[in-house]
Amino acid sequence: RYVFITQRRNDRLDEMRRFVLGDQADHGIMMFNTSFSYEVQGGFYYFKSNIYAKAKTPADKFDLLYAYTYHLKVYDVWLHDNEGGMEGIVKDLANMWKRLLGNDDNKLGIDAEYTRPGVIQLLQDFKREIESACSEPPLKFIFQ
């Protein structure tokens, strides 16, 4: 599957990579441990209330949420090396996607042929990864 990357979407991917990775963003060698899960946890709530909430249009929200989710999926150590408490992040992130995907493609600034199916596939893969993670209670990513 493909997701068309506009210049704005590319800019958001760069911004969210730096946001998710913090000080490690531009390092050639990165080190991850349990503390990364705390950074992701705190960062998520900041992202939700201070970055995502301030996006003005559904298209802006889409680009931000896509970029943020993409990097959470790529740098998934937080999902496997944590001490619990990830249920809120997973549930809120899924709900954000569910609300956002209720908009039509034109409002989201995406095409129906490639980008929507590509994002749905990304989210299905992410769901599979989240729900197969060893977590108590088990995590559920219900984005549809």
C-alpha atoms as a PDB file:
ATOM      1  CA  ARG A   1       0.000   0.000   0.000  1.00  0.00           C
ATOM      2  CA  TYR A   2       1.021   3.571  -0.620  1.00  0.00           C
ATOM      3  CA  VAL A   3       0.444   6.845   1.172  1.00  0.00           C
ATOM      4  CA  PHE A   4       1.056   9.938  -0.906  1.00  0.00           C
ATOM      5  CA  ILE A   5       3.360  12.279   0.966  1.00  0.00           C
ATOM      6  CA  THR A   6       2.701  15.946   0.288  1.00  0.00           C
ATOM      7  CA  GLN A   7       5.258  18.566   1.267  1.00  0.00           C
ATOM      8  CA  ARG A   8       3.197  19.438   4.361  1.00  0.00           C
ATOM      9  CA  ARG A   9       2.898  15.763   5.301  1.00  0.00           C
ATOM     10  CA  ASN A  10       6.642  15.352   4.836  1.00  0.00           C
ATOM     11  CA  ASP A  11       7.270  18.343   7.087  1.00  0.00           C
ATOM     12  CA  ARG A  12       4.994  16.799   9.746  1.00  0.00           C
ATOM     13  CA  LEU A  13       6.854  13.484   9.466  1.00  0.00           C
ATOM     14  CA  ASP A  14      10.114  15.300  10.203  1.00  0.00           C
ATOM     15  CA  GLU A  15       8.575  17.270  13.095  1.00  0.00           C
ATOM     16  CA  MET A  16       6.963  14.216  14.678  1.00  0.00           C
ATOM     17  CA  ARG A  17      10.155  12.146  14.347  1.00  0.00           C
ATOM     18  CA  ARG A  18      11.952  14.816  16.349  1.00  0.00           C
ATOM     19  CA  PHE A  19       9.043  15.024  18.793  1.00  0.00           C
ATOM     20  CA  VAL A  20       8.819  11.256  19.413  1.00  0.00           C
ATOM     21  CA  LEU A  21      12.576  10.669  19.573  1.00  0.00           C
ATOM     22  CA  GLY A  22      13.475  13.821  21.481  1.00  0.00           C
ATOM     23  CA  ASP A  23      17.208  14.297  21.978  1.00  0.00           C
ATOM     24  CA  GLN A  24      17.997  11.129  20.033  1.00  0.00           C
ATOM     25  CA  ALA A  25      16.286  12.296  16.832  1.00  0.00           C
ATOM     26  CA  ASP A  26      19.409  13.152  14.883  1.00  0.00           C
ATOM     27  CA  HIS A  27      21.822  10.660  16.417  1.00  0.00           C
ATOM     28  CA  GLY A  28      23.326   7.923  14.278  1.00  0.00           C
ATOM     29  CA  ILE A  29      23.041   5.431  17.121  1.00  0.00           C
ATOM     30  CA  MET A  30      19.976   5.426  19.341  1.00  0.00           C
ATOM     31  CA  MET A  31      19.507   3.681  22.679  1.00  0.00           C
ATOM     32  CA  PHE A  32      16.086   2.690  23.962  1.00  0.00           C
ATOM     33  CA  ASN A  33      15.015   1.373  27.340  1.00  0.00           C
ATOM     34  CA  THR A  34      12.025   1.604  29.653  1.00  0.00           C
ATOM     35  CA  SER A  35      12.488   5.343  30.095  1.00  0.00           C
ATOM     36  CA  PHE A  36      11.539   5.795  26.423  1.00  0.00           C
ATOM     37  CA  SER A  37       8.053   4.486  27.241  1.00  0.00           C
ATOM     38  CA  TYR A  38       7.691   7.226  29.872  1.00  0.00           C
ATOM     39  CA  GLU A  39       8.754   9.822  27.299  1.00  0.00           C
ATOM     40  CA  VAL A  40       6.195   8.472  24.825  1.00  0.00           C
ATOM     41  CA  GLN A  41       3.509   8.443  27.503  1.00  0.00           C
ATOM     42  CA  GLY A  42       4.102  12.042  28.573  1.00  0.00           C
ATOM     43  CA  GLY A  43       4.652  13.122  24.999  1.00  0.00           C
ATOM     44  CA  PHE A  44       1.358  11.633  23.860  1.00  0.00           C
ATOM     45  CA  TYR A  45      -0.701  13.750  26.226  1.00  0.00           C
ATOM     46  CA  TYR A  46       1.264  16.834  25.222  1.00  0.00           C
ATOM     47  CA  PHE A  47       0.735  15.971  21.546  1.00  0.00           C
ATOM     48  CA  LYS A  48      -2.981  15.414  22.053  1.00  0.00           C
ATOM     49  CA  SER A  49      -3.733  18.594  23.992  1.00  0.00           C
ATOM     50  CA  ASN A  50      -1.146  21.049  22.691  1.00  0.00           C
ATOM     51  CA  ILE A  51      -0.292  20.077  19.127  1.00  0.00           C
ATOM     52  CA  TYR A  52      -3.167  18.049  17.688  1.00  0.00           C
ATOM     53  CA  ALA A  53      -5.907  20.066  19.402  1.00  0.00           C
ATOM     54  CA  LYS A  54      -4.553  23.277  17.883  1.00  0.00           C
ATOM     55  CA  ALA A  55      -4.615  21.983  14.297  1.00  0.00           C
ATOM     56  CA  LYS A  56      -7.264  24.002  12.496  1.00  0.00           C
ATOM     57  CA  THR A  57      -8.498  21.698   9.727  1.00  0.00           C
ATOM     58  CA  PRO A  58      -9.147  17.969   9.342  1.00  0.00           C
ATOM     59  CA  ALA A  59      -6.323  17.896   6.760  1.00  0.00           C
ATOM     60  CA  ASP A  60      -3.889  19.408   9.289  1.00  0.00           C
ATOM     61  CA  LYS A  61      -5.063  16.933  11.919  1.00  0.00           C
ATOM     62  CA  PHE A  62      -4.625  14.055   9.471  1.00  0.00           C
ATOM     63  CA  ASP A  63      -1.045  14.995   8.607  1.00  0.00           C
ATOM     64  CA  LEU A  64      -0.112  15.383  12.271  1.00  0.00           C
ATOM     65  CA  LEU A  65      -1.797  12.184  13.429  1.00  0.00           C
ATOM     66  CA  TYR A  66      -0.417  10.177  10.518  1.00  0.00           C
ATOM     67  CA  ALA A  67       3.128  11.399  11.188  1.00  0.00           C
ATOM     68  CA  TYR A  68       2.855  10.827  14.940  1.00  0.00           C
ATOM     69  CA  THR A  69       1.373   7.346  14.560  1.00  0.00           C
ATOM     70  CA  TYR A  70       3.904   6.388  11.912  1.00  0.00           C
ATOM     71  CA  HIS A  71       6.781   7.133  14.262  1.00  0.00           C
ATOM     72  CA  LEU A  72       5.144   5.379  17.210  1.00  0.00           C
ATOM     73  CA  LYS A  73       4.922   2.312  14.980  1.00  0.00           C
ATOM     74  CA  VAL A  74       8.503   2.563  13.698  1.00  0.00           C
ATOM     75  CA  TYR A  75      10.034   3.222  17.129  1.00  0.00           C
ATOM     76  CA  ASP A  76       7.871   0.700  18.977  1.00  0.00           C
ATOM     77  CA  VAL A  77      10.139   0.020  21.951  1.00  0.00           C
ATOM     78  CA  TRP A  78       7.641   1.891  24.163  1.00  0.00           C
ATOM     79  CA  LEU A  79       5.105  -0.831  23.398  1.00  0.00           C
ATOM     80  CA  HIS A  80       7.334  -3.721  24.434  1.00  0.00           C
ATOM     81  CA  ASP A  81       9.436  -2.191  27.219  1.00  0.00           C
ATOM     82  CA  ASN A  82       7.155  -0.432  29.665  1.00  0.00           C
ATOM     83  CA  GLU A  83       5.827  -0.901  33.161  1.00  0.00           C
ATOM     84  CA  GLY A  84       2.155  -0.632  32.213  1.00  0.00           C
ATOM     85  CA  GLY A  85      -0.189   2.280  31.930  1.00  0.00           C
ATOM     86  CA  MET A  86      -0.267   2.340  28.133  1.00  0.00           C
ATOM     87  CA  GLU A  87      -4.008   1.597  27.903  1.00  0.00           C
ATOM     88  CA  GLY A  88      -4.960   5.286  27.926  1.00  0.00           C
ATOM     89  CA  ILE A  89      -2.578   6.189  25.115  1.00  0.00           C
ATOM     90  CA  VAL A  90      -3.717   3.294  22.935  1.00  0.00           C
ATOM     91  CA  LYS A  91      -7.413   3.961  23.547  1.00  0.00           C
ATOM     92  CA  ASP A  92      -7.126   7.725  22.999  1.00  0.00           C
ATOM     93  CA  LEU A  93      -5.014   7.306  19.861  1.00  0.00           C
ATOM     94  CA  ALA A  94      -7.543   4.852  18.392  1.00  0.00           C
ATOM     95  CA  ASN A  95     -10.412   7.225  19.205  1.00  0.00           C
ATOM     96  CA  MET A  96      -8.593  10.117  17.562  1.00  0.00           C
ATOM     97  CA  TRP A  97      -8.255   8.028  14.401  1.00  0.00           C
ATOM     98  CA  LYS A  98     -11.854   6.877  14.544  1.00  0.00           C
ATOM     99  CA  ARG A  99     -13.128  10.468  14.722  1.00  0.00           C
ATOM    100  CA  LEU A 100     -10.731  11.733  12.085  1.00  0.00           C
ATOM    101  CA  LEU A 101     -11.446   8.963   9.568  1.00  0.00           C
ATOM    102  CA  GLY A 102     -15.140   9.848   9.767  1.00  0.00           C
ATOM    103  CA  ASN A 103     -14.320  12.851   7.564  1.00  0.00           C
ATOM    104  CA  ASP A 104     -14.441  12.510   3.798  1.00  0.00           C
ATOM    105  CA  ASP A 105     -11.195  12.273   1.842  1.00  0.00           C
ATOM    106  CA  ASN A 106     -11.498  15.788   0.476  1.00  0.00           C
ATOM    107  CA  LYS A 107     -11.621  17.296   3.977  1.00  0.00           C
ATOM    108  CA  LEU A 108      -8.641  15.146   5.010  1.00  0.00           C
ATOM    109  CA  GLY A 109      -6.650  16.203   1.958  1.00  0.00           C
ATOM    110  CA  ILE A 110      -6.107  12.600   0.869  1.00  0.00           C
ATOM    111  CA  ASP A 111      -6.960  10.485  -2.149  1.00  0.00           C
ATOM    112  CA  ALA A 112      -9.327   7.503  -1.967  1.00  0.00           C
ATOM    113  CA  GLU A 113      -7.320   5.238  -4.258  1.00  0.00           C
ATOM    114  CA  TYR A 114      -3.989   5.101  -2.429  1.00  0.00           C
ATOM    115  CA  THR A 115      -3.684   7.170   0.718  1.00  0.00           C
ATOM    116  CA  ARG A 116      -6.845   6.133   2.581  1.00  0.00           C
ATOM    117  CA  PRO A 117      -6.246   2.385   1.970  1.00  0.00           C
ATOM    118  CA  GLY A 118      -2.556   2.870   2.802  1.00  0.00           C
ATOM    119  CA  VAL A 119      -3.343   4.536   6.114  1.00  0.00           C
ATOM    120  CA  ILE A 120      -5.959   1.891   6.954  1.00  0.00           C
ATOM    121  CA  GLN A 121      -3.326  -0.793   6.304  1.00  0.00           C
ATOM    122  CA  LEU A 122      -0.813   1.041   8.504  1.00  0.00           C
ATOM    123  CA  LEU A 123      -3.407   1.206  11.285  1.00  0.00           C
ATOM    124  CA  GLN A 124      -4.325  -2.475  10.887  1.00  0.00           C
ATOM    125  CA  ASP A 125      -0.635  -3.423  11.123  1.00  0.00           C
ATOM    126  CA  PHE A 126      -0.252  -1.150  14.148  1.00  0.00           C
ATOM    127  CA  LYS A 127      -3.351  -2.715  15.724  1.00  0.00           C
ATOM    128  CA  ARG A 128      -1.916  -6.212  15.216  1.00  0.00           C
ATOM    129  CA  GLU A 129       1.356  -5.154  16.826  1.00  0.00           C
ATOM    130  CA  ILE A 130      -0.331  -3.414  19.749  1.00  0.00           C
ATOM    131  CA  GLU A 131      -2.743  -6.235  20.459  1.00  0.00           C
ATOM    132  CA  SER A 132      -0.017  -8.878  20.310  1.00  0.00           C
ATOM    133  CA  ALA A 133       2.192  -7.009  22.799  1.00  0.00           C
ATOM    134  CA  CYS A 134       2.576  -8.624  26.180  1.00  0.00           C
ATOM    135  CA  SER A 135       0.513  -6.317  28.362  1.00  0.00           C
ATOM    136  CA  GLU A 136      -1.736  -6.659  31.371  1.00  0.00           C
ATOM    137  CA  PRO A 137      -4.492  -5.742  30.820  1.00  0.00           C
ATOM    138  CA  PRO A 138      -4.314  -6.615  27.099  1.00  0.00           C
ATOM    139  CA  LEU A 139      -4.240  -3.550  24.862  1.00  0.00           C
ATOM    140  CA  LYS A 140      -7.008  -2.921  22.324  1.00  0.00           C
ATOM    141  CA  PHE A 141      -6.617  -0.524  19.392  1.00  0.00           C
ATOM    142  CA  ILE A 142     -10.134  -0.006  18.061  1.00  0.00           C
ATOM    143  CA  PHE A 143      -9.767   2.622  15.345  1.00  0.00           C
ATOM    144  CA  GLN A 144     -12.766   1.599  13.177  1.00  0.00           C
END
